mmCIF file of all heavy atoms, coordinates in Angstrom:
data_MODEL
# 
_entry.id   MODEL 
# 
loop_
_atom_site.group_PDB 
_atom_site.id 
_atom_site.type_symbol 
_atom_site.label_atom_id 
_atom_site.label_alt_id 
_atom_site.label_comp_id 
_atom_site.label_asym_id 
_atom_site.label_entity_id 
_atom_site.label_seq_id 
_atom_site.pdbx_PDB_ins_code 
_atom_site.Cartn_x 
_atom_site.Cartn_y 
_atom_site.Cartn_z 
_atom_site.occupancy 
_atom_site.B_iso_or_equiv 
_atom_site.pdbx_formal_charge 
_atom_site.auth_seq_id 
_atom_site.auth_comp_id 
_atom_site.auth_asym_id 
_atom_site.auth_atom_id 
_atom_site.pdbx_PDB_model_num 
ATOM 1   N N   . ASP A 1 1  ? 0.821  -1.212  0.000   1.00 0.00 ? 1  ASP A N   1 
ATOM 2   C CA  . ASP A 1 1  ? 0.000  0.000   0.000   1.00 0.00 ? 1  ASP A CA  1 
ATOM 3   C C   . ASP A 1 1  ? 0.858  1.267   0.000   1.00 0.00 ? 1  ASP A C   1 
ATOM 4   O O   . ASP A 1 1  ? 0.398  2.328   -0.411  1.00 0.00 ? 1  ASP A O   1 
ATOM 5   C CB  . ASP A 1 1  ? -0.934 0.014   1.223   1.00 0.00 ? 1  ASP A CB  1 
ATOM 6   C CG  . ASP A 1 1  ? -2.027 -1.036  1.112   1.00 0.00 ? 1  ASP A CG  1 
ATOM 7   O OD1 . ASP A 1 1  ? -2.188 -1.615  0.021   1.00 0.00 ? 1  ASP A OD1 1 
ATOM 8   O OD2 . ASP A 1 1  ? -2.707 -1.304  2.126   1.00 0.00 ? 1  ASP A OD2 1 
ATOM 9   N N   . GLU A 1 2  ? 2.093  1.151   0.463   1.00 0.00 ? 2  GLU A N   1 
ATOM 10  C CA  . GLU A 1 2  ? 2.983  2.314   0.530   1.00 0.00 ? 2  GLU A CA  1 
ATOM 11  C C   . GLU A 1 2  ? 3.897  2.399   -0.695  1.00 0.00 ? 2  GLU A C   1 
ATOM 12  O O   . GLU A 1 2  ? 4.466  3.452   -0.986  1.00 0.00 ? 2  GLU A O   1 
ATOM 13  C CB  . GLU A 1 2  ? 3.837  2.220   1.807   1.00 0.00 ? 2  GLU A CB  1 
ATOM 14  C CG  . GLU A 1 2  ? 4.622  3.461   2.169   1.00 0.00 ? 2  GLU A CG  1 
ATOM 15  C CD  . GLU A 1 2  ? 3.762  4.576   2.744   1.00 0.00 ? 2  GLU A CD  1 
ATOM 16  O OE1 . GLU A 1 2  ? 2.600  4.316   3.109   1.00 0.00 ? 2  GLU A OE1 1 
ATOM 17  O OE2 . GLU A 1 2  ? 4.253  5.725   2.811   1.00 0.00 ? 2  GLU A OE2 1 
ATOM 18  N N   . ALA A 1 3  ? 4.037  1.281   -1.404  1.00 0.00 ? 3  ALA A N   1 
ATOM 19  C CA  . ALA A 1 3  ? 4.995  1.202   -2.523  1.00 0.00 ? 3  ALA A CA  1 
ATOM 20  C C   . ALA A 1 3  ? 4.533  2.012   -3.728  1.00 0.00 ? 3  ALA A C   1 
ATOM 21  O O   . ALA A 1 3  ? 3.347  2.315   -3.900  1.00 0.00 ? 3  ALA A O   1 
ATOM 22  C CB  . ALA A 1 3  ? 5.192  -0.261  -2.920  1.00 0.00 ? 3  ALA A CB  1 
ATOM 23  N N   . THR A 1 4  ? 5.484  2.349   -4.569  1.00 0.00 ? 4  THR A N   1 
ATOM 24  C CA  . THR A 1 4  ? 5.207  3.041   -5.832  1.00 0.00 ? 4  THR A CA  1 
ATOM 25  C C   . THR A 1 4  ? 5.356  2.025   -6.974  1.00 0.00 ? 4  THR A C   1 
ATOM 26  O O   . THR A 1 4  ? 5.825  0.899   -6.767  1.00 0.00 ? 4  THR A O   1 
ATOM 27  C CB  . THR A 1 4  ? 6.202  4.194   -6.043  1.00 0.00 ? 4  THR A CB  1 
ATOM 28  O OG1 . THR A 1 4  ? 7.525  3.655   -6.118  1.00 0.00 ? 4  THR A OG1 1 
ATOM 29  C CG2 . THR A 1 4  ? 6.117  5.194   -4.898  1.00 0.00 ? 4  THR A CG2 1 
ATOM 30  N N   . ASP A 1 5  ? 4.995  2.432   -8.181  1.00 0.00 ? 5  ASP A N   1 
ATOM 31  C CA  . ASP A 1 5  ? 5.114  1.533   -9.333  1.00 0.00 ? 5  ASP A CA  1 
ATOM 32  C C   . ASP A 1 5  ? 6.554  1.066   -9.549  1.00 0.00 ? 5  ASP A C   1 
ATOM 33  O O   . ASP A 1 5  ? 6.795  -0.058  -9.984  1.00 0.00 ? 5  ASP A O   1 
ATOM 34  C CB  . ASP A 1 5  ? 4.609  2.233   -10.604 1.00 0.00 ? 5  ASP A CB  1 
ATOM 35  C CG  . ASP A 1 5  ? 3.104  2.459   -10.559 1.00 0.00 ? 5  ASP A CG  1 
ATOM 36  O OD1 . ASP A 1 5  ? 2.426  1.724   -9.800  1.00 0.00 ? 5  ASP A OD1 1 
ATOM 37  O OD2 . ASP A 1 5  ? 2.615  3.361   -11.273 1.00 0.00 ? 5  ASP A OD2 1 
ATOM 38  N N   . SER A 1 6  ? 7.497  1.931   -9.216  1.00 0.00 ? 6  SER A N   1 
ATOM 39  C CA  . SER A 1 6  ? 8.907  1.613   -9.480  1.00 0.00 ? 6  SER A CA  1 
ATOM 40  C C   . SER A 1 6  ? 9.491  0.614   -8.481  1.00 0.00 ? 6  SER A C   1 
ATOM 41  O O   . SER A 1 6  ? 10.436 -0.112  -8.807  1.00 0.00 ? 6  SER A O   1 
ATOM 42  C CB  . SER A 1 6  ? 9.748  2.890   -9.472  1.00 0.00 ? 6  SER A CB  1 
ATOM 43  O OG  . SER A 1 6  ? 9.663  3.517   -8.208  1.00 0.00 ? 6  SER A OG  1 
ATOM 44  N N   . ASN A 1 7  ? 8.961  0.579   -7.247  1.00 0.00 ? 7  ASN A N   1 
ATOM 45  C CA  . ASN A 1 7  ? 9.574  -0.330  -6.264  1.00 0.00 ? 7  ASN A CA  1 
ATOM 46  C C   . ASN A 1 7  ? 8.645  -1.436  -5.752  1.00 0.00 ? 7  ASN A C   1 
ATOM 47  O O   . ASN A 1 7  ? 9.014  -2.197  -4.862  1.00 0.00 ? 7  ASN A O   1 
ATOM 48  C CB  . ASN A 1 7  ? 10.159 0.454   -5.069  1.00 0.00 ? 7  ASN A CB  1 
ATOM 49  C CG  . ASN A 1 7  ? 9.123  1.307   -4.365  1.00 0.00 ? 7  ASN A CG  1 
ATOM 50  O OD1 . ASN A 1 7  ? 7.929  1.012   -4.394  1.00 0.00 ? 7  ASN A OD1 1 
ATOM 51  N ND2 . ASN A 1 7  ? 9.583  2.374   -3.711  1.00 0.00 ? 7  ASN A ND2 1 
ATOM 52  N N   . ARG A 1 8  ? 7.439  -1.532  -6.333  1.00 0.00 ? 8  ARG A N   1 
ATOM 53  C CA  . ARG A 1 8  ? 6.483  -2.545  -5.867  1.00 0.00 ? 8  ARG A CA  1 
ATOM 54  C C   . ARG A 1 8  ? 7.029  -3.972  -6.034  1.00 0.00 ? 8  ARG A C   1 
ATOM 55  O O   . ARG A 1 8  ? 6.819  -4.840  -5.199  1.00 0.00 ? 8  ARG A O   1 
ATOM 56  C CB  . ARG A 1 8  ? 5.144  -2.381  -6.588  1.00 0.00 ? 8  ARG A CB  1 
ATOM 57  C CG  . ARG A 1 8  ? 4.034  -3.254  -6.023  1.00 0.00 ? 8  ARG A CG  1 
ATOM 58  C CD  . ARG A 1 8  ? 2.658  -2.851  -6.509  1.00 0.00 ? 8  ARG A CD  1 
ATOM 59  N NE  . ARG A 1 8  ? 2.133  -1.730  -5.728  1.00 0.00 ? 8  ARG A NE  1 
ATOM 60  C CZ  . ARG A 1 8  ? 2.011  -0.491  -6.184  1.00 0.00 ? 8  ARG A CZ  1 
ATOM 61  N NH1 . ARG A 1 8  ? 2.367  -0.198  -7.422  1.00 0.00 ? 8  ARG A NH1 1 
ATOM 62  N NH2 . ARG A 1 8  ? 1.530  0.463   -5.421  1.00 0.00 ? 8  ARG A NH2 1 
ATOM 63  N N   . VAL A 1 9  ? 7.763  -4.202  -7.119  1.00 0.00 ? 9  VAL A N   1 
ATOM 64  C CA  . VAL A 1 9  ? 8.285  -5.551  -7.379  1.00 0.00 ? 9  VAL A CA  1 
ATOM 65  C C   . VAL A 1 9  ? 9.397  -5.944  -6.398  1.00 0.00 ? 9  VAL A C   1 
ATOM 66  O O   . VAL A 1 9  ? 9.734  -7.123  -6.272  1.00 0.00 ? 9  VAL A O   1 
ATOM 67  C CB  . VAL A 1 9  ? 8.819  -5.669  -8.834  1.00 0.00 ? 9  VAL A CB  1 
ATOM 68  C CG1 . VAL A 1 9  ? 7.687  -5.556  -9.826  1.00 0.00 ? 9  VAL A CG1 1 
ATOM 69  C CG2 . VAL A 1 9  ? 9.913  -4.632  -9.101  1.00 0.00 ? 9  VAL A CG2 1 
ATOM 70  N N   . LYS A 1 10 ? 9.974  -4.954  -5.712  1.00 0.00 ? 10 LYS A N   1 
ATOM 71  C CA  . LYS A 1 10 ? 11.072 -5.223  -4.775  1.00 0.00 ? 10 LYS A CA  1 
ATOM 72  C C   . LYS A 1 10 ? 10.591 -5.487  -3.355  1.00 0.00 ? 10 LYS A C   1 
ATOM 73  O O   . LYS A 1 10 ? 11.400 -5.798  -2.471  1.00 0.00 ? 10 LYS A O   1 
ATOM 74  C CB  . LYS A 1 10 ? 12.036 -4.024  -4.742  1.00 0.00 ? 10 LYS A CB  1 
ATOM 75  C CG  . LYS A 1 10 ? 12.676 -3.691  -6.081  1.00 0.00 ? 10 LYS A CG  1 
ATOM 76  C CD  . LYS A 1 10 ? 13.549 -2.455  -5.920  1.00 0.00 ? 10 LYS A CD  1 
ATOM 77  C CE  . LYS A 1 10 ? 14.122 -1.998  -7.264  1.00 0.00 ? 10 LYS A CE  1 
ATOM 78  N NZ  . LYS A 1 10 ? 14.875 -0.733  -7.103  1.00 0.00 ? 10 LYS A NZ  1 
ATOM 79  N N   . VAL A 1 11 ? 9.278  -5.347  -3.108  1.00 0.00 ? 11 VAL A N   1 
ATOM 80  C CA  . VAL A 1 11 ? 8.752  -5.392  -1.747  1.00 0.00 ? 11 VAL A CA  1 
ATOM 81  C C   . VAL A 1 11 ? 9.112  -6.687  -1.020  1.00 0.00 ? 11 VAL A C   1 
ATOM 82  O O   . VAL A 1 11 ? 9.572  -6.674  0.129   1.00 0.00 ? 11 VAL A O   1 
ATOM 83  C CB  . VAL A 1 11 ? 7.216  -5.163  -1.750  1.00 0.00 ? 11 VAL A CB  1 
ATOM 84  C CG1 . VAL A 1 11 ? 6.587  -5.645  -0.455  1.00 0.00 ? 11 VAL A CG1 1 
ATOM 85  C CG2 . VAL A 1 11 ? 6.919  -3.680  -1.947  1.00 0.00 ? 11 VAL A CG2 1 
ATOM 86  N N   . ARG A 1 12 ? 8.907  -7.848  -1.663  1.00 0.00 ? 12 ARG A N   1 
ATOM 87  C CA  . ARG A 1 12 ? 9.192  -9.121  -0.991  1.00 0.00 ? 12 ARG A CA  1 
ATOM 88  C C   . ARG A 1 12 ? 10.684 -9.271  -0.657  1.00 0.00 ? 12 ARG A C   1 
ATOM 89  O O   . ARG A 1 12 ? 11.041 -9.780  0.414   1.00 0.00 ? 12 ARG A O   1 
ATOM 90  C CB  . ARG A 1 12 ? 8.725  -10.295 -1.845  1.00 0.00 ? 12 ARG A CB  1 
ATOM 91  C CG  . ARG A 1 12 ? 7.212  -10.520 -1.774  1.00 0.00 ? 12 ARG A CG  1 
ATOM 92  C CD  . ARG A 1 12 ? 6.800  -11.776 -2.494  1.00 0.00 ? 12 ARG A CD  1 
ATOM 93  N NE  . ARG A 1 12 ? 5.377  -11.996 -2.390  1.00 0.00 ? 12 ARG A NE  1 
ATOM 94  C CZ  . ARG A 1 12 ? 4.783  -12.679 -1.407  1.00 0.00 ? 12 ARG A CZ  1 
ATOM 95  N NH1 . ARG A 1 12 ? 5.515  -13.182 -0.429  1.00 0.00 ? 12 ARG A NH1 1 
ATOM 96  N NH2 . ARG A 1 12 ? 3.486  -12.847 -1.400  1.00 0.00 ? 12 ARG A NH2 1 
ATOM 97  N N   . ASP A 1 13 ? 11.544 -8.819  -1.567  1.00 0.00 ? 13 ASP A N   1 
ATOM 98  C CA  . ASP A 1 13 ? 12.985 -8.871  -1.295  1.00 0.00 ? 13 ASP A CA  1 
ATOM 99  C C   . ASP A 1 13 ? 13.355 -7.970  -0.123  1.00 0.00 ? 13 ASP A C   1 
ATOM 100 O O   . ASP A 1 13 ? 14.181 -8.334  0.730   1.00 0.00 ? 13 ASP A O   1 
ATOM 101 C CB  . ASP A 1 13 ? 13.787 -8.448  -2.530  1.00 0.00 ? 13 ASP A CB  1 
ATOM 102 C CG  . ASP A 1 13 ? 13.726 -9.492  -3.639  1.00 0.00 ? 13 ASP A CG  1 
ATOM 103 O OD1 . ASP A 1 13 ? 13.435 -10.664 -3.316  1.00 0.00 ? 13 ASP A OD1 1 
ATOM 104 O OD2 . ASP A 1 13 ? 13.944 -9.135  -4.809  1.00 0.00 ? 13 ASP A OD2 1 
ATOM 105 N N   . MET A 1 14 ? 12.737 -6.780  -0.079  1.00 0.00 ? 14 MET A N   1 
ATOM 106 C CA  . MET A 1 14 ? 12.999 -5.849  1.027   1.00 0.00 ? 14 MET A CA  1 
ATOM 107 C C   . MET A 1 14 ? 12.560 -6.457  2.352   1.00 0.00 ? 14 MET A C   1 
ATOM 108 O O   . MET A 1 14 ? 13.284 -6.397  3.354   1.00 0.00 ? 14 MET A O   1 
ATOM 109 C CB  . MET A 1 14 ? 12.266 -4.521  0.785   1.00 0.00 ? 14 MET A CB  1 
ATOM 110 C CG  . MET A 1 14 ? 12.854 -3.692  -0.344  1.00 0.00 ? 14 MET A CG  1 
ATOM 111 S SD  . MET A 1 14 ? 11.852 -2.227  -0.713  1.00 0.00 ? 14 MET A SD  1 
ATOM 112 C CE  . MET A 1 14 ? 12.174 -1.221  0.731   1.00 0.00 ? 14 MET A CE  1 
ATOM 113 N N   . LEU A 1 15 ? 11.376 -7.058  2.377   1.00 0.00 ? 15 LEU A N   1 
ATOM 114 C CA  . LEU A 1 15 ? 10.874 -7.692  3.605   1.00 0.00 ? 15 LEU A CA  1 
ATOM 115 C C   . LEU A 1 15 ? 11.800 -8.826  4.035   1.00 0.00 ? 15 LEU A C   1 
ATOM 116 O O   . LEU A 1 15 ? 12.063 -9.002  5.231   1.00 0.00 ? 15 LEU A O   1 
ATOM 117 C CB  . LEU A 1 15 ? 9.449  -8.212  3.394   1.00 0.00 ? 15 LEU A CB  1 
ATOM 118 C CG  . LEU A 1 15 ? 8.351  -7.155  3.381   1.00 0.00 ? 15 LEU A CG  1 
ATOM 119 C CD1 . LEU A 1 15 ? 7.018  -7.759  2.954   1.00 0.00 ? 15 LEU A CD1 1 
ATOM 120 C CD2 . LEU A 1 15 ? 8.207  -6.498  4.755   1.00 0.00 ? 15 LEU A CD2 1 
ATOM 121 N N   . GLY A 1 16 ? 12.298 -9.586  3.055   1.00 0.00 ? 16 GLY A N   1 
ATOM 122 C CA  . GLY A 1 16 ? 13.218 -10.676 3.371   1.00 0.00 ? 16 GLY A CA  1 
ATOM 123 C C   . GLY A 1 16 ? 14.482 -10.181 4.038   1.00 0.00 ? 16 GLY A C   1 
ATOM 124 O O   . GLY A 1 16 ? 14.994 -10.801 4.982   1.00 0.00 ? 16 GLY A O   1 
ATOM 125 N N   . SER A 1 17 ? 14.996 -9.030  3.587   1.00 0.00 ? 17 SER A N   1 
ATOM 126 C CA  . SER A 1 17 ? 16.217 -8.481  4.185   1.00 0.00 ? 17 SER A CA  1 
ATOM 127 C C   . SER A 1 17 ? 15.974 -7.987  5.612   1.00 0.00 ? 17 SER A C   1 
ATOM 128 O O   . SER A 1 17 ? 16.914 -7.829  6.391   1.00 0.00 ? 17 SER A O   1 
ATOM 129 C CB  . SER A 1 17 ? 16.776 -7.347  3.316   1.00 0.00 ? 17 SER A CB  1 
ATOM 130 O OG  . SER A 1 17 ? 15.936 -6.217  3.352   1.00 0.00 ? 17 SER A OG  1 
ATOM 131 N N   . PHE A 1 18 ? 14.692 -7.763  5.965   1.00 0.00 ? 18 PHE A N   1 
ATOM 132 C CA  . PHE A 1 18 ? 14.342 -7.371  7.332   1.00 0.00 ? 18 PHE A CA  1 
ATOM 133 C C   . PHE A 1 18 ? 13.780 -8.558  8.119   1.00 0.00 ? 18 PHE A C   1 
ATOM 134 O O   . PHE A 1 18 ? 13.075 -8.401  9.110   1.00 0.00 ? 18 PHE A O   1 
ATOM 135 C CB  . PHE A 1 18 ? 13.334 -6.217  7.320   1.00 0.00 ? 18 PHE A CB  1 
ATOM 136 C CG  . PHE A 1 18 ? 13.971 -4.876  7.102   1.00 0.00 ? 18 PHE A CG  1 
ATOM 137 C CD1 . PHE A 1 18 ? 14.342 -4.458  5.839   1.00 0.00 ? 18 PHE A CD1 1 
ATOM 138 C CD2 . PHE A 1 18 ? 14.226 -4.029  8.167   1.00 0.00 ? 18 PHE A CD2 1 
ATOM 139 C CE1 . PHE A 1 18 ? 14.947 -3.227  5.625   1.00 0.00 ? 18 PHE A CE1 1 
ATOM 140 C CE2 . PHE A 1 18 ? 14.824 -2.797  7.979   1.00 0.00 ? 18 PHE A CE2 1 
ATOM 141 C CZ  . PHE A 1 18 ? 15.189 -2.395  6.704   1.00 0.00 ? 18 PHE A CZ  1 
ATOM 142 N N   . LEU A 1 19 ? 14.089 -9.778  7.651   1.00 0.00 ? 19 LEU A N   1 
ATOM 143 C CA  . LEU A 1 19 ? 13.757 -11.048 8.321   1.00 0.00 ? 19 LEU A CA  1 
ATOM 144 C C   . LEU A 1 19 ? 12.272 -11.398 8.289   1.00 0.00 ? 19 LEU A C   1 
ATOM 145 O O   . LEU A 1 19 ? 11.802 -12.185 9.108   1.00 0.00 ? 19 LEU A O   1 
ATOM 146 C CB  . LEU A 1 19 ? 14.266 -11.056 9.780   1.00 0.00 ? 19 LEU A CB  1 
ATOM 147 C CG  . LEU A 1 19 ? 15.756 -10.795 9.979   1.00 0.00 ? 19 LEU A CG  1 
ATOM 148 C CD1 . LEU A 1 19 ? 16.122 -10.871 11.456  1.00 0.00 ? 19 LEU A CD1 1 
ATOM 149 C CD2 . LEU A 1 19 ? 16.608 -11.776 9.176   1.00 0.00 ? 19 LEU A CD2 1 
ATOM 150 N N   . PHE A 1 20 ? 11.502 -10.840 7.359   1.00 0.00 ? 20 PHE A N   1 
ATOM 151 C CA  . PHE A 1 20 ? 10.110 -11.246 7.151   1.00 0.00 ? 20 PHE A CA  1 
ATOM 152 C C   . PHE A 1 20 ? 10.076 -12.096 5.884   1.00 0.00 ? 20 PHE A C   1 
ATOM 153 O O   . PHE A 1 20 ? 10.067 -11.564 4.777   1.00 0.00 ? 20 PHE A O   1 
ATOM 154 C CB  . PHE A 1 20 ? 9.192  -10.021 7.003   1.00 0.00 ? 20 PHE A CB  1 
ATOM 155 C CG  . PHE A 1 20 ? 9.149  -9.142  8.224   1.00 0.00 ? 20 PHE A CG  1 
ATOM 156 C CD1 . PHE A 1 20 ? 9.695  -7.857  8.191   1.00 0.00 ? 20 PHE A CD1 1 
ATOM 157 C CD2 . PHE A 1 20 ? 8.578  -9.585  9.403   1.00 0.00 ? 20 PHE A CD2 1 
ATOM 158 C CE1 . PHE A 1 20 ? 9.657  -7.036  9.309   1.00 0.00 ? 20 PHE A CE1 1 
ATOM 159 C CE2 . PHE A 1 20 ? 8.544  -8.770  10.530  1.00 0.00 ? 20 PHE A CE2 1 
ATOM 160 C CZ  . PHE A 1 20 ? 9.081  -7.504  10.484  1.00 0.00 ? 20 PHE A CZ  1 
ATOM 161 N N   . ARG A 1 21 ? 10.097 -13.415 6.075   1.00 0.00 ? 21 ARG A N   1 
ATOM 162 C CA  . ARG A 1 21 ? 10.261 -14.318 4.931   1.00 0.00 ? 21 ARG A CA  1 
ATOM 163 C C   . ARG A 1 21 ? 9.118  -15.311 4.831   1.00 0.00 ? 21 ARG A C   1 
ATOM 164 O O   . ARG A 1 21 ? 8.467  -15.629 5.833   1.00 0.00 ? 21 ARG A O   1 
ATOM 165 C CB  . ARG A 1 21 ? 11.590 -15.074 5.059   1.00 0.00 ? 21 ARG A CB  1 
ATOM 166 C CG  . ARG A 1 21 ? 12.793 -14.152 4.936   1.00 0.00 ? 21 ARG A CG  1 
ATOM 167 C CD  . ARG A 1 21 ? 14.069 -14.778 5.419   1.00 0.00 ? 21 ARG A CD  1 
ATOM 168 N NE  . ARG A 1 21 ? 15.178 -13.817 5.359   1.00 0.00 ? 21 ARG A NE  1 
ATOM 169 C CZ  . ARG A 1 21 ? 16.272 -13.912 6.087   1.00 0.00 ? 21 ARG A CZ  1 
ATOM 170 N NH1 . ARG A 1 21 ? 16.431 -14.921 6.910   1.00 0.00 ? 21 ARG A NH1 1 
ATOM 171 N NH2 . ARG A 1 21 ? 17.223 -13.001 5.976   1.00 0.00 ? 21 ARG A NH2 1 
ATOM 172 N N   . GLY A 1 22 ? 8.899  -15.816 3.608   1.00 0.00 ? 22 GLY A N   1 
ATOM 173 C CA  . GLY A 1 22 ? 7.908  -16.864 3.381   1.00 0.00 ? 22 GLY A CA  1 
ATOM 174 C C   . GLY A 1 22 ? 6.518  -16.458 3.834   1.00 0.00 ? 22 GLY A C   1 
ATOM 175 O O   . GLY A 1 22 ? 6.047  -15.347 3.557   1.00 0.00 ? 22 GLY A O   1 
ATOM 176 N N   . ASP A 1 23 ? 5.858  -17.375 4.572   1.00 0.00 ? 23 ASP A N   1 
ATOM 177 C CA  . ASP A 1 23 ? 4.481  -17.132 5.029   1.00 0.00 ? 23 ASP A CA  1 
ATOM 178 C C   . ASP A 1 23 ? 4.389  -16.038 6.084   1.00 0.00 ? 23 ASP A C   1 
ATOM 179 O O   . ASP A 1 23 ? 3.288  -15.567 6.396   1.00 0.00 ? 23 ASP A O   1 
ATOM 180 C CB  . ASP A 1 23 ? 3.880  -18.427 5.600   1.00 0.00 ? 23 ASP A CB  1 
ATOM 181 C CG  . ASP A 1 23 ? 3.715  -19.491 4.520   1.00 0.00 ? 23 ASP A CG  1 
ATOM 182 O OD1 . ASP A 1 23 ? 3.678  -19.101 3.335   1.00 0.00 ? 23 ASP A OD1 1 
ATOM 183 O OD2 . ASP A 1 23 ? 3.628  -20.683 4.863   1.00 0.00 ? 23 ASP A OD2 1 
ATOM 184 N N   . GLN A 1 24 ? 5.540  -15.638 6.662   1.00 0.00 ? 24 GLN A N   1 
ATOM 185 C CA  . GLN A 1 24 ? 5.513  -14.600 7.702   1.00 0.00 ? 24 GLN A CA  1 
ATOM 186 C C   . GLN A 1 24 ? 4.911  -13.292 7.195   1.00 0.00 ? 24 GLN A C   1 
ATOM 187 O O   . GLN A 1 24 ? 4.325  -12.535 7.972   1.00 0.00 ? 24 GLN A O   1 
ATOM 188 C CB  . GLN A 1 24 ? 6.933  -14.322 8.208   1.00 0.00 ? 24 GLN A CB  1 
ATOM 189 C CG  . GLN A 1 24 ? 7.486  -15.403 9.120   1.00 0.00 ? 24 GLN A CG  1 
ATOM 190 C CD  . GLN A 1 24 ? 8.860  -15.014 9.638   1.00 0.00 ? 24 GLN A CD  1 
ATOM 191 O OE1 . GLN A 1 24 ? 9.703  -14.498 8.894   1.00 0.00 ? 24 GLN A OE1 1 
ATOM 192 N NE2 . GLN A 1 24 ? 9.094  -15.256 10.910  1.00 0.00 ? 24 GLN A NE2 1 
ATOM 193 N N   . VAL A 1 25 ? 5.053  -13.017 5.896   1.00 0.00 ? 25 VAL A N   1 
ATOM 194 C CA  . VAL A 1 25 ? 4.566  -11.743 5.355   1.00 0.00 ? 25 VAL A CA  1 
ATOM 195 C C   . VAL A 1 25 ? 3.036  -11.669 5.388   1.00 0.00 ? 25 VAL A C   1 
ATOM 196 O O   . VAL A 1 25 ? 2.465  -10.587 5.200   1.00 0.00 ? 25 VAL A O   1 
ATOM 197 C CB  . VAL A 1 25 ? 5.073  -11.499 3.912   1.00 0.00 ? 25 VAL A CB  1 
ATOM 198 C CG1 . VAL A 1 25 ? 6.587  -11.451 3.882   1.00 0.00 ? 25 VAL A CG1 1 
ATOM 199 C CG2 . VAL A 1 25 ? 4.536  -12.535 2.948   1.00 0.00 ? 25 VAL A CG2 1 
ATOM 200 N N   . ASP A 1 26 ? 2.374  -12.801 5.617   1.00 0.00 ? 26 ASP A N   1 
ATOM 201 C CA  . ASP A 1 26 ? 0.901  -12.807 5.685   1.00 0.00 ? 26 ASP A CA  1 
ATOM 202 C C   . ASP A 1 26 ? 0.386  -12.612 7.110   1.00 0.00 ? 26 ASP A C   1 
ATOM 203 O O   . ASP A 1 26 ? -0.832 -12.610 7.344   1.00 0.00 ? 26 ASP A O   1 
ATOM 204 C CB  . ASP A 1 26 ? 0.359  -14.127 5.118   1.00 0.00 ? 26 ASP A CB  1 
ATOM 205 C CG  . ASP A 1 26 ? 0.689  -14.279 3.633   1.00 0.00 ? 26 ASP A CG  1 
ATOM 206 O OD1 . ASP A 1 26 ? 0.612  -13.263 2.913   1.00 0.00 ? 26 ASP A OD1 1 
ATOM 207 O OD2 . ASP A 1 26 ? 1.038  -15.392 3.207   1.00 0.00 ? 26 ASP A OD2 1 
ATOM 208 N N   . LYS A 1 27 ? 1.303  -12.449 8.074   1.00 0.00 ? 27 LYS A N   1 
ATOM 209 C CA  . LYS A 1 27 ? 0.889  -12.167 9.453   1.00 0.00 ? 27 LYS A CA  1 
ATOM 210 C C   . LYS A 1 27 ? 0.289  -10.767 9.528   1.00 0.00 ? 27 LYS A C   1 
ATOM 211 O O   . LYS A 1 27 ? 0.746  -9.852  8.842   1.00 0.00 ? 27 LYS A O   1 
ATOM 212 C CB  . LYS A 1 27 ? 2.101  -12.200 10.393  1.00 0.00 ? 27 LYS A CB  1 
ATOM 213 C CG  . LYS A 1 27 ? 2.561  -13.568 10.810  1.00 0.00 ? 27 LYS A CG  1 
ATOM 214 C CD  . LYS A 1 27 ? 3.704  -13.400 11.824  1.00 0.00 ? 27 LYS A CD  1 
ATOM 215 C CE  . LYS A 1 27 ? 4.235  -14.713 12.312  1.00 0.00 ? 27 LYS A CE  1 
ATOM 216 N NZ  . LYS A 1 27 ? 5.356  -14.510 13.257  1.00 0.00 ? 27 LYS A NZ  1 
# 
């Protein structure tokens, strides 16, 4: 919801680097 068109595709990678991985992102 905060991402822009240019960085939306990077969201999962960014979350992974902050230790939110796999199914955790659905919490």
